[in-house]
Amino acid sequence: MDRNQREAANSVDRMLLENVLAILIHEVGNGAISLQGATDIYQSIARDLRIPVAPEELSAVGNQFQAAEKSYLALGR
């Protein structure tokens, strides 16, 4: 695979991971999945896509999940 193809594949994989993140945030915000479950799924998919997730990025993802959970709990569901 040449460099351009590799970069395109990496870009598509990164977009896929971003979409997964959006779905997981929505699911946490609806109470359908726990913070730990969402984090585990995110990390597993990133690993399957061979996308390294830096600790800072994982922390930011966790913060997004926590904010979604707080919104869910604030609605009293």
PDB file of N, CA and C in Angstrom:
ATOM      1  N   MET A   1       0.857  -1.163   0.000  1.00  0.00           N
ATOM      2  CA  MET A   1       0.000   0.000   0.000  1.00  0.00           C
ATOM      3  C   MET A   1       0.905   1.228   0.000  1.00  0.00           C
ATOM      4  N   ASP A   2       0.676   2.128  -0.922  1.00  0.00           N
ATOM      5  CA  ASP A   2       1.533   3.313  -0.961  1.00  0.00           C
ATOM      6  C   ASP A   2       1.094   4.307   0.110  1.00  0.00           C
ATOM      7  N   ARG A   3       1.884   5.339   0.262  1.00  0.00           N
ATOM      8  CA  ARG A   3       1.672   6.319   1.337  1.00  0.00           C
ATOM      9  C   ARG A   3       0.311   6.988   1.245  1.00  0.00           C
ATOM     10  N   ASN A   4      -0.122   7.400   0.058  1.00  0.00           N
ATOM     11  CA  ASN A   4      -1.412   8.074  -0.092  1.00  0.00           C
ATOM     12  C   ASN A   4      -2.568   7.157   0.308  1.00  0.00           C
ATOM     13  N   GLN A   5      -2.493   5.904  -0.073  1.00  0.00           N
ATOM     14  CA  GLN A   5      -3.542   4.954   0.299  1.00  0.00           C
ATOM     15  C   GLN A   5      -3.572   4.732   1.808  1.00  0.00           C
ATOM     16  N   ARG A   6      -2.386   4.639   2.409  1.00  0.00           N
ATOM     17  CA  ARG A   6      -2.288   4.441   3.848  1.00  0.00           C
ATOM     18  C   ARG A   6      -2.872   5.638   4.595  1.00  0.00           C
ATOM     19  N   GLU A   7      -2.544   6.858   4.138  1.00  0.00           N
ATOM     20  CA  GLU A   7      -3.065   8.055   4.773  1.00  0.00           C
ATOM     21  C   GLU A   7      -4.582   8.142   4.626  1.00  0.00           C
ATOM     22  N   ALA A   8      -5.096   7.773   3.462  1.00  0.00           N
ATOM     23  CA  ALA A   8      -6.546   7.782   3.241  1.00  0.00           C
ATOM     24  C   ALA A   8      -7.228   6.764   4.150  1.00  0.00           C
ATOM     25  N   ALA A   9      -6.642   5.584   4.270  1.00  0.00           N
ATOM     26  CA  ALA A   9      -7.212   4.551   5.135  1.00  0.00           C
ATOM     27  C   ALA A   9      -7.188   5.006   6.591  1.00  0.00           C
ATOM     28  N   ASN A  10      -6.094   5.616   7.010  1.00  0.00           N
ATOM     29  CA  ASN A  10      -6.001   6.117   8.384  1.00  0.00           C
ATOM     30  C   ASN A  10      -7.031   7.205   8.640  1.00  0.00           C
ATOM     31  N   SER A  11      -7.255   8.047   7.651  1.00  0.00           N
ATOM     32  CA  SER A  11      -8.241   9.117   7.780  1.00  0.00           C
ATOM     33  C   SER A  11      -9.646   8.545   7.914  1.00  0.00           C
ATOM     34  N   VAL A  12      -9.964   7.563   7.118  1.00  0.00           N
ATOM     35  CA  VAL A  12     -11.282   6.917   7.181  1.00  0.00           C
ATOM     36  C   VAL A  12     -11.440   6.207   8.531  1.00  0.00           C
ATOM     37  N   ASP A  13     -10.406   5.533   8.982  1.00  0.00           N
ATOM     38  CA  ASP A  13     -10.466   4.848  10.272  1.00  0.00           C
ATOM     39  C   ASP A  13     -10.684   5.846  11.406  1.00  0.00           C
ATOM     40  N   ARG A  14     -10.022   6.979  11.342  1.00  0.00           N
ATOM     41  CA  ARG A  14     -10.162   8.011  12.377  1.00  0.00           C
ATOM     42  C   ARG A  14     -11.590   8.581  12.361  1.00  0.00           C
ATOM     43  N   MET A  15     -12.150   8.789  11.160  1.00  0.00           N
ATOM     44  CA  MET A  15     -13.524   9.280  11.059  1.00  0.00           C
ATOM     45  C   MET A  15     -14.499   8.251  11.629  1.00  0.00           C
ATOM     46  N   LEU A  16     -14.237   6.980  11.367  1.00  0.00           N
ATOM     47  CA  LEU A  16     -15.075   5.915  11.907  1.00  0.00           C
ATOM     48  C   LEU A  16     -15.035   5.934  13.435  1.00  0.00           C
ATOM     49  N   LEU A  17     -13.854   6.094  13.995  1.00  0.00           N
ATOM     50  CA  LEU A  17     -13.720   6.141  15.446  1.00  0.00           C
ATOM     51  C   LEU A  17     -14.450   7.356  16.017  1.00  0.00           C
ATOM     52  N   GLU A  18     -14.405   8.479  15.332  1.00  0.00           N
ATOM     53  CA  GLU A  18     -15.134   9.674  15.773  1.00  0.00           C
ATOM     54  C   GLU A  18     -16.635   9.426  15.749  1.00  0.00           C
ATOM     55  N   ASN A  19     -17.120   8.707  14.753  1.00  0.00           N
ATOM     56  CA  ASN A  19     -18.549   8.370  14.693  1.00  0.00           C
ATOM     57  C   ASN A  19     -18.938   7.412  15.814  1.00  0.00           C
ATOM     58  N   VAL A  20     -18.067   6.467  16.092  1.00  0.00           N
ATOM     59  CA  VAL A  20     -18.305   5.550  17.208  1.00  0.00           C
ATOM     60  C   VAL A  20     -18.395   6.345  18.509  1.00  0.00           C
ATOM     61  N   LEU A  21     -17.504   7.305  18.676  1.00  0.00           N
ATOM     62  CA  LEU A  21     -17.518   8.136  19.874  1.00  0.00           C
ATOM     63  C   LEU A  21     -18.848   8.873  20.002  1.00  0.00           C
ATOM     64  N   ALA A  22     -19.325   9.451  18.916  1.00  0.00           N
ATOM     65  CA  ALA A  22     -20.596  10.175  18.945  1.00  0.00           C
ATOM     66  C   ALA A  22     -21.741   9.245  19.341  1.00  0.00           C
ATOM     67  N   ILE A  23     -21.743   8.048  18.816  1.00  0.00           N
ATOM     68  CA  ILE A  23     -22.785   7.075  19.154  1.00  0.00           C
ATOM     69  C   ILE A  23     -22.694   6.693  20.631  1.00  0.00           C
ATOM     70  N   LEU A  24     -21.490   6.451  21.113  1.00  0.00           N
ATOM     71  CA  LEU A  24     -21.320   6.071  22.510  1.00  0.00           C
ATOM     72  C   LEU A  24     -21.740   7.197  23.451  1.00  0.00           C
ATOM     73  N   ILE A  25     -21.417   8.427  23.103  1.00  0.00           N
ATOM     74  CA  ILE A  25     -21.839   9.570  23.917  1.00  0.00           C
ATOM     75  C   ILE A  25     -23.361   9.617  23.975  1.00  0.00           C
ATOM     76  N   HIS A  26     -23.994   9.408  22.846  1.00  0.00           N
ATOM     77  CA  HIS A  26     -25.458   9.392  22.798  1.00  0.00           C
ATOM     78  C   HIS A  26     -26.014   8.278  23.680  1.00  0.00           C
ATOM     79  N   GLU A  27     -25.425   7.112  23.607  1.00  0.00           N
ATOM     80  CA  GLU A  27     -25.899   5.976  24.389  1.00  0.00           C
ATOM     81  C   GLU A  27     -25.700   6.197  25.891  1.00  0.00           C
ATOM     82  N   VAL A  28     -24.572   6.782  26.272  1.00  0.00           N
ATOM     83  CA  VAL A  28     -24.350   7.112  27.682  1.00  0.00           C
ATOM     84  C   VAL A  28     -25.377   8.160  28.119  1.00  0.00           C
ATOM     85  N   GLY A  29     -25.628   9.133  27.259  1.00  0.00           N
ATOM     86  CA  GLY A  29     -26.590  10.189  27.563  1.00  0.00           C
ATOM     87  C   GLY A  29     -28.017   9.707  27.660  1.00  0.00           C
ATOM     88  N   ASN A  30     -28.304   8.549  27.107  1.00  0.00           N
ATOM     89  CA  ASN A  30     -29.633   7.941  27.206  1.00  0.00           C
ATOM     90  C   ASN A  30     -29.711   6.904  28.316  1.00  0.00           C
ATOM     91  N   GLY A  31     -28.588   6.661  28.980  1.00  0.00           N
ATOM     92  CA  GLY A  31     -28.557   5.670  30.043  1.00  0.00           C
ATOM     93  C   GLY A  31     -28.510   4.239  29.543  1.00  0.00           C
ATOM     94  N   ALA A  32     -28.253   4.059  28.260  1.00  0.00           N
ATOM     95  CA  ALA A  32     -28.250   2.712  27.671  1.00  0.00           C
ATOM     96  C   ALA A  32     -26.953   1.956  27.927  1.00  0.00           C
ATOM     97  N   ILE A  33     -25.892   2.682  28.276  1.00  0.00           N
ATOM     98  CA  ILE A  33     -24.595   2.047  28.494  1.00  0.00           C
ATOM     99  C   ILE A  33     -23.862   2.811  29.592  1.00  0.00           C
ATOM    100  N   SER A  34     -23.059   2.096  30.342  1.00  0.00           N
ATOM    101  CA  SER A  34     -22.311   2.707  31.437  1.00  0.00           C
ATOM    102  C   SER A  34     -21.064   3.425  30.911  1.00  0.00           C
ATOM    103  N   LEU A  35     -20.504   4.260  31.769  1.00  0.00           N
ATOM    104  CA  LEU A  35     -19.249   4.934  31.408  1.00  0.00           C
ATOM    105  C   LEU A  35     -18.156   3.911  31.100  1.00  0.00           C
ATOM    106  N   GLN A  36     -18.036   2.913  31.958  1.00  0.00           N
ATOM    107  CA  GLN A  36     -16.994   1.906  31.760  1.00  0.00           C
ATOM    108  C   GLN A  36     -17.240   1.101  30.495  1.00  0.00           C
ATOM    109  N   GLY A  37     -18.480   0.753  30.242  1.00  0.00           N
ATOM    110  CA  GLY A  37     -18.811   0.014  29.026  1.00  0.00           C
ATOM    111  C   GLY A  37     -18.476   0.810  27.779  1.00  0.00           C
ATOM    112  N   ALA A  38     -18.822   2.093  27.788  1.00  0.00           N
ATOM    113  CA  ALA A  38     -18.534   2.956  26.640  1.00  0.00           C
ATOM    114  C   ALA A  38     -17.026   3.093  26.436  1.00  0.00           C
ATOM    115  N   THR A  39     -16.307   3.260  27.531  1.00  0.00           N
ATOM    116  CA  THR A  39     -14.849   3.386  27.446  1.00  0.00           C
ATOM    117  C   THR A  39     -14.229   2.109  26.897  1.00  0.00           C
ATOM    118  N   ASP A  40     -14.695   0.981  27.377  1.00  0.00           N
ATOM    119  CA  ASP A  40     -14.170  -0.311  26.908  1.00  0.00           C
ATOM    120  C   ASP A  40     -14.429  -0.502  25.412  1.00  0.00           C
ATOM    121  N   ILE A  41     -15.636  -0.167  24.977  1.00  0.00           N
ATOM    122  CA  ILE A  41     -15.982  -0.304  23.559  1.00  0.00           C
ATOM    123  C   ILE A  41     -15.112   0.617  22.719  1.00  0.00           C
ATOM    124  N   TYR A  42     -14.962   1.861  23.149  1.00  0.00           N
ATOM    125  CA  TYR A  42     -14.145   2.834  22.412  1.00  0.00           C
ATOM    126  C   TYR A  42     -12.713   2.327  22.261  1.00  0.00           C
ATOM    127  N   GLN A  43     -12.133   1.876  23.359  1.00  0.00           N
ATOM    128  CA  GLN A  43     -10.756   1.389  23.315  1.00  0.00           C
ATOM    129  C   GLN A  43     -10.633   0.140  22.442  1.00  0.00           C
ATOM    130  N   SER A  44     -11.599  -0.735  22.528  1.00  0.00           N
ATOM    131  CA  SER A  44     -11.561  -1.961  21.732  1.00  0.00           C
ATOM    132  C   SER A  44     -11.619  -1.653  20.244  1.00  0.00           C
ATOM    133  N   ILE A  45     -12.506  -0.752  19.859  1.00  0.00           N
ATOM    134  CA  ILE A  45     -12.616  -0.411  18.438  1.00  0.00           C
ATOM    135  C   ILE A  45     -11.367   0.313  17.961  1.00  0.00           C
ATOM    136  N   ALA A  46     -10.835   1.212  18.787  1.00  0.00           N
ATOM    137  CA  ALA A  46      -9.583   1.897  18.423  1.00  0.00           C
ATOM    138  C   ALA A  46      -8.463   0.873  18.221  1.00  0.00           C
ATOM    139  N   ARG A  47      -8.403  -0.100  19.100  1.00  0.00           N
ATOM    140  CA  ARG A  47      -7.374  -1.147  18.992  1.00  0.00           C
ATOM    141  C   ARG A  47      -7.571  -1.958  17.710  1.00  0.00           C
ATOM    142  N   ASP A  48      -8.835  -2.323  17.409  1.00  0.00           N
ATOM    143  CA  ASP A  48      -9.122  -3.080  16.189  1.00  0.00           C
ATOM    144  C   ASP A  48      -8.746  -2.295  14.933  1.00  0.00           C
ATOM    145  N   LEU A  49      -8.944  -0.966  14.988  1.00  0.00           N
ATOM    146  CA  LEU A  49      -8.599  -0.118  13.850  1.00  0.00           C
ATOM    147  C   LEU A  49      -7.116   0.255  13.834  1.00  0.00           C
ATOM    148  N   ARG A  50      -6.419  -0.179  14.868  1.00  0.00           N
ATOM    149  CA  ARG A  50      -4.977   0.129  15.021  1.00  0.00           C
ATOM    150  C   ARG A  50      -4.729   1.626  15.108  1.00  0.00           C
ATOM    151  N   ILE A  51      -5.607   2.293  15.863  1.00  0.00           N
ATOM    152  CA  ILE A  51      -5.454   3.722  16.115  1.00  0.00           C
ATOM    153  C   ILE A  51      -4.963   3.869  17.546  1.00  0.00           C
ATOM    154  N   PRO A  52      -3.765   4.411  17.717  1.00  0.00           N
ATOM    155  CA  PRO A  52      -3.275   4.606  19.087  1.00  0.00           C
ATOM    156  C   PRO A  52      -4.082   5.710  19.777  1.00  0.00           C
ATOM    157  N   VAL A  53      -4.450   5.456  21.022  1.00  0.00           N
ATOM    158  CA  VAL A  53      -5.192   6.440  21.807  1.00  0.00           C
ATOM    159  C   VAL A  53      -4.289   6.880  22.950  1.00  0.00           C
ATOM    160  N   ALA A  54      -3.867   8.131  22.885  1.00  0.00           N
ATOM    161  CA  ALA A  54      -2.999   8.682  23.922  1.00  0.00           C
ATOM    162  C   ALA A  54      -3.790   8.848  25.217  1.00  0.00           C
ATOM    163  N   PRO A  55      -3.124   8.806  26.357  1.00  0.00           N
ATOM    164  CA  PRO A  55      -3.822   8.980  27.634  1.00  0.00           C
ATOM    165  C   PRO A  55      -4.637  10.287  27.689  1.00  0.00           C
ATOM    166  N   GLU A  56      -4.106  11.344  27.089  1.00  0.00           N
ATOM    167  CA  GLU A  56      -4.821  12.622  27.082  1.00  0.00           C
ATOM    168  C   GLU A  56      -6.126  12.512  26.286  1.00  0.00           C
ATOM    169  N   GLU A  57      -6.065  11.801  25.179  1.00  0.00           N
ATOM    170  CA  GLU A  57      -7.258  11.609  24.349  1.00  0.00           C
ATOM    171  C   GLU A  57      -8.275  10.759  25.090  1.00  0.00           C
ATOM    172  N   LEU A  58      -7.823   9.716  25.754  1.00  0.00           N
ATOM    173  CA  LEU A  58      -8.724   8.863  26.506  1.00  0.00           C
ATOM    174  C   LEU A  58      -9.361   9.645  27.657  1.00  0.00           C
ATOM    175  N   SER A  59      -8.611  10.525  28.267  1.00  0.00           N
ATOM    176  CA  SER A  59      -9.149  11.372  29.329  1.00  0.00           C
ATOM    177  C   SER A  59     -10.231  12.295  28.784  1.00  0.00           C
ATOM    178  N   ALA A  60      -9.998  12.883  27.617  1.00  0.00           N
ATOM    179  CA  ALA A  60     -10.986  13.767  26.990  1.00  0.00           C
ATOM    180  C   ALA A  60     -12.250  12.990  26.630  1.00  0.00           C
ATOM    181  N   VAL A  61     -12.087  11.775  26.147  1.00  0.00           N
ATOM    182  CA  VAL A  61     -13.230  10.920  25.820  1.00  0.00           C
ATOM    183  C   VAL A  61     -14.012  10.625  27.104  1.00  0.00           C
ATOM    184  N   GLY A  62     -13.304  10.287  28.159  1.00  0.00           N
ATOM    185  CA  GLY A  62     -13.947  10.020  29.446  1.00  0.00           C
ATOM    186  C   GLY A  62     -14.727  11.222  29.949  1.00  0.00           C
ATOM    187  N   ASN A  63     -14.162  12.413  29.759  1.00  0.00           N
ATOM    188  CA  ASN A  63     -14.861  13.637  30.160  1.00  0.00           C
ATOM    189  C   ASN A  63     -16.156  13.820  29.374  1.00  0.00           C
ATOM    190  N   GLN A  64     -16.128  13.479  28.094  1.00  0.00           N
ATOM    191  CA  GLN A  64     -17.335  13.584  27.274  1.00  0.00           C
ATOM    192  C   GLN A  64     -18.393  12.588  27.746  1.00  0.00           C
ATOM    193  N   PHE A  65     -17.959  11.386  28.097  1.00  0.00           N
ATOM    194  CA  PHE A  65     -18.894  10.389  28.613  1.00  0.00           C
ATOM    195  C   PHE A  65     -19.493  10.853  29.943  1.00  0.00           C
ATOM    196  N   GLN A  66     -18.657  11.427  30.808  1.00  0.00           N
ATOM    197  CA  GLN A  66     -19.143  11.911  32.101  1.00  0.00           C
ATOM    198  C   GLN A  66     -20.151  13.041  31.925  1.00  0.00           C
ATOM    199  N   ALA A  67     -19.888  13.944  31.002  1.00  0.00           N
ATOM    200  CA  ALA A  67     -20.822  15.039  30.745  1.00  0.00           C
ATOM    201  C   ALA A  67     -22.159  14.498  30.241  1.00  0.00           C
ATOM    202  N   ALA A  68     -22.106  13.500  29.392  1.00  0.00           N
ATOM    203  CA  ALA A  68     -23.341  12.895  28.873  1.00  0.00           C
ATOM    204  C   ALA A  68     -24.111  12.227  30.007  1.00  0.00           C
ATOM    205  N   GLU A  69     -23.396  11.547  30.886  1.00  0.00           N
ATOM    206  CA  GLU A  69     -24.055  10.875  32.005  1.00  0.00           C
ATOM    207  C   GLU A  69     -24.686  11.907  32.943  1.00  0.00           C
ATOM    208  N   LYS A  70     -23.975  12.995  33.204  1.00  0.00           N
ATOM    209  CA  LYS A  70     -24.526  14.039  34.073  1.00  0.00           C
ATOM    210  C   LYS A  70     -25.789  14.629  33.480  1.00  0.00           C
ATOM    211  N   SER A  71     -25.817  14.832  32.179  1.00  0.00           N
ATOM    212  CA  SER A  71     -27.013  15.342  31.514  1.00  0.00           C
ATOM    213  C   SER A  71     -28.168  14.367  31.688  1.00  0.00           C
ATOM    214  N   TYR A  72     -27.876  13.089  31.530  1.00  0.00           N
ATOM    215  CA  TYR A  72     -28.893  12.053  31.682  1.00  0.00           C
ATOM    216  C   TYR A  72     -29.442  12.065  33.107  1.00  0.00           C
ATOM    217  N   LEU A  73     -28.544  12.126  34.087  1.00  0.00           N
ATOM    218  CA  LEU A  73     -28.968  12.103  35.477  1.00  0.00           C
ATOM    219  C   LEU A  73     -29.715  13.377  35.860  1.00  0.00           C
ATOM    220  N   ALA A  74     -29.335  14.496  35.279  1.00  0.00           N
ATOM    221  CA  ALA A  74     -30.004  15.765  35.567  1.00  0.00           C
ATOM    222  C   ALA A  74     -31.454  15.753  35.079  1.00  0.00           C
ATOM    223  N   LEU A  75     -31.728  14.973  34.063  1.00  0.00           N
ATOM    224  CA  LEU A  75     -33.090  14.870  33.553  1.00  0.00           C
ATOM    225  C   LEU A  75     -33.944  13.968  34.435  1.00  0.00           C
ATOM    226  N   GLY A  76     -33.302  13.305  35.392  1.00  0.00           N
ATOM    227  CA  GLY A  76     -34.019  12.461  36.335  1.00  0.00           C
ATOM    228  C   GLY A  76     -34.602  11.198  35.745  1.00  0.00           C
ATOM    229  N   ARG A  77     -33.937  10.662  34.797  1.00  0.00           N
ATOM    230  CA  ARG A  77     -34.449   9.431  34.157  1.00  0.00           C
ATOM    231  C   ARG A  77     -34.122   8.225  34.964  1.00  0.00           C
TER     232      ARG A  77
END
